[in-house]
Every structure is written in structure tokens, then in C-alpha cells.
Amino acid sequence: MRLVDLQRSAIRLLTTASRTESFQQLAQQHGVKGIKVGPYGKLFTDLDPTLTSSKGRVKKAGD
């Protein structure tokens, strides 16, 4: 593993961790201001749905 790969992995890990409620609680315990965490789904508002569903009557095979 190259150093740049290790650095990239560390950045991704820290970015993900910093978006958790646990990280926000830890920051508050240590008096760090400005850490606000919202619902994870709100980070991605412009994604196209990949799955759709519909409700319908259950039918036996052959009907």
C-alpha cells in the first residue's frame, strides 16, 4: 500500500466518522462548537431513485 492510498483511506474514514451523531456528542463533551449533524439521507438530495415499488394484489402462480 502506498502512502497516498493510506492517506486517502484515512480521509474517507474521518469524513464518514465526522458525520455521525457519536462524533457530534464527543465534540460537545469536549466543548467543540460548530459540529452539527443532520440525517444522513439529507446529504444526497439530487440522487435518482434506483428502486421503485408498487402495492398490488397477491396472485397465485398461473392466475
Protein backbone atom coordinates (compact mmCIF):
# COMPACT_ATOMS: atom_id res chain seq x y z
CA MET A 1 0.00 0.00 0.00
CA ARG A 2 1.34 3.39 -0.94
CA LEU A 3 1.31 6.34 1.44
CA VAL A 4 -1.17 8.20 -0.74
CA ASP A 5 -3.58 5.25 -0.54
CA LEU A 6 -3.28 5.21 3.24
CA GLN A 7 -3.89 8.96 3.41
CA ARG A 8 -6.93 8.70 1.14
CA SER A 9 -8.38 5.90 3.26
CA ALA A 10 -7.81 7.89 6.46
CA ILE A 11 -9.53 10.95 4.97
CA ARG A 12 -12.56 8.89 3.93
CA LEU A 13 -12.77 7.27 7.34
CA LEU A 14 -12.54 10.58 9.19
CA THR A 15 -15.04 12.26 6.88
CA THR A 16 -17.54 9.45 7.43
CA ALA A 17 -16.97 9.43 11.20
CA SER A 18 -17.37 13.20 11.43
CA ARG A 19 -20.90 12.89 10.03
CA THR A 20 -22.13 10.66 12.86
CA GLU A 21 -24.15 11.57 15.91
CA SER A 22 -21.48 9.99 18.12
CA PHE A 23 -18.90 12.42 16.73
CA GLN A 24 -21.23 15.33 17.45
CA GLN A 25 -21.71 14.13 21.03
CA LEU A 26 -17.96 13.74 21.50
CA ALA A 27 -17.39 17.26 20.19
CA GLN A 28 -19.99 18.65 22.61
CA GLN A 29 -18.37 16.83 25.55
CA HIS A 30 -15.05 18.48 24.72
CA GLY A 31 -16.53 21.93 24.15
CA VAL A 32 -16.00 21.96 20.37
CA LYS A 33 -18.55 24.23 18.72
CA GLY A 34 -19.81 24.17 15.17
CA ILE A 35 -20.30 20.42 14.76
CA LYS A 36 -23.85 19.86 13.55
CA VAL A 37 -25.00 16.51 12.24
CA GLY A 38 -28.24 16.03 10.37
CA PRO A 39 -29.90 12.99 8.83
CA TYR A 40 -27.51 11.15 6.50
CA GLY A 41 -30.09 10.98 3.71
CA LYS A 42 -30.27 14.77 3.50
CA LEU A 43 -26.66 14.89 2.31
CA PHE A 44 -27.80 13.49 -1.02
CA THR A 45 -30.84 15.34 -2.30
CA ASP A 46 -30.22 15.05 -6.04
CA LEU A 47 -29.95 11.26 -6.45
CA ASP A 48 -32.18 9.39 -8.84
CA PRO A 49 -34.18 6.57 -7.27
CA THR A 50 -32.70 3.16 -8.01
CA LEU A 51 -35.65 1.15 -6.77
CA THR A 52 -39.34 1.67 -7.13
CA SER A 53 -42.18 -0.39 -5.74
CA SER A 54 -45.91 -0.62 -6.00
CA LYS A 55 -48.60 -2.23 -3.94
CA GLY A 56 -50.86 -4.75 -5.58
CA ARG A 57 -52.95 -7.85 -5.09
CA VAL A 58 -51.09 -11.09 -4.37
CA LYS A 59 -51.82 -13.67 -7.07
CA LYS A 60 -51.30 -17.41 -7.22
CA ALA A 61 -48.94 -18.73 -9.85
CA GLY A 62 -50.86 -19.39 -13.04
CA ASP A 63 -53.57 -16.74 -12.46
